[in-house]
Amino acid sequence: MTQKQFAKVIGWSPSTVALYEVGEIPTKSNNRLLKVMIKDSNVMKEFIAESKADSDLEEL
């Protein structure tokens, strides 16, 4: 998954993802989300499914 795709799935800007990848410290709320996604892979799977569903609706 690219930075841009990941950002879209979790609702962040691509620049936020890029900053975190080079060592920037996440905000408190973003850090909580990252910890939840790391702890439970189903969370990320649900985000991906929701993102795909939203994309399908946008194309209509």
Protein backbone atom coordinates (compact mmCIF):
# COMPACT_ATOMS: atom_id res chain seq x y z
CA MET A 1 0.00 0.00 0.00
CA THR A 2 1.37 3.41 -0.92
CA GLN A 3 1.50 6.38 1.44
CA LYS A 4 -1.28 8.00 -0.54
CA GLN A 5 -3.51 4.90 -0.33
CA PHE A 6 -2.82 4.47 3.39
CA ALA A 7 -3.60 8.13 4.03
CA LYS A 8 -6.91 7.85 2.17
CA VAL A 9 -7.92 4.72 4.06
CA ILE A 10 -7.33 6.22 7.50
CA GLY A 11 -8.38 9.77 6.67
CA TRP A 12 -5.02 11.53 6.97
CA SER A 13 -3.18 13.65 4.44
CA PRO A 14 -0.38 11.97 2.50
CA SER A 15 2.05 14.52 3.93
CA THR A 16 1.16 13.41 7.48
CA VAL A 17 1.98 9.80 6.62
CA ALA A 18 5.25 10.87 4.99
CA LEU A 19 6.27 12.88 8.05
CA TYR A 20 5.61 9.94 10.37
CA GLU A 21 7.66 7.65 8.14
CA VAL A 22 10.72 9.90 8.51
CA GLY A 23 10.43 10.08 12.29
CA GLU A 24 8.02 12.88 13.08
CA ILE A 25 6.13 12.21 16.31
CA PRO A 26 2.40 11.59 15.73
CA THR A 27 -0.23 13.68 17.46
CA LYS A 28 -1.80 12.08 20.51
CA SER A 29 -4.97 11.11 18.62
CA ASN A 30 -3.08 9.78 15.59
CA ASN A 31 -0.79 7.80 17.89
CA ARG A 32 -3.83 6.18 19.51
CA LEU A 33 -5.17 5.18 16.10
CA LEU A 34 -1.82 3.72 15.06
CA LYS A 35 -1.62 1.68 18.28
CA VAL A 36 -5.13 0.29 17.72
CA MET A 37 -4.30 -0.68 14.14
CA ILE A 38 -1.07 -2.38 15.26
CA LYS A 39 -2.80 -4.24 18.08
CA ASP A 40 -5.75 -5.46 15.99
CA SER A 41 -5.25 -6.07 12.26
CA ASN A 42 -9.01 -6.33 11.78
CA VAL A 43 -9.28 -2.58 12.36
CA MET A 44 -7.16 -1.89 9.28
CA LYS A 45 -9.15 -4.44 7.28
CA GLU A 46 -12.37 -2.65 8.26
CA PHE A 47 -10.91 0.73 7.28
CA ILE A 48 -9.91 -0.67 3.89
CA ALA A 49 -13.37 -2.15 3.33
CA GLU A 50 -15.04 1.15 4.28
CA SER A 51 -12.71 3.08 2.00
CA LYS A 52 -13.53 0.78 -0.92
CA ALA A 53 -17.25 1.14 -0.23
CA ASP A 54 -16.91 4.94 -0.10
CA SER A 55 -15.00 4.91 -3.39
CA ASP A 56 -17.73 2.85 -5.01
CA LEU A 57 -20.34 5.40 -3.89
CA GLU A 58 -18.27 8.30 -5.22
CA GLU A 59 -18.12 6.70 -8.66
CA LEU A 60 -21.92 6.54 -9.01
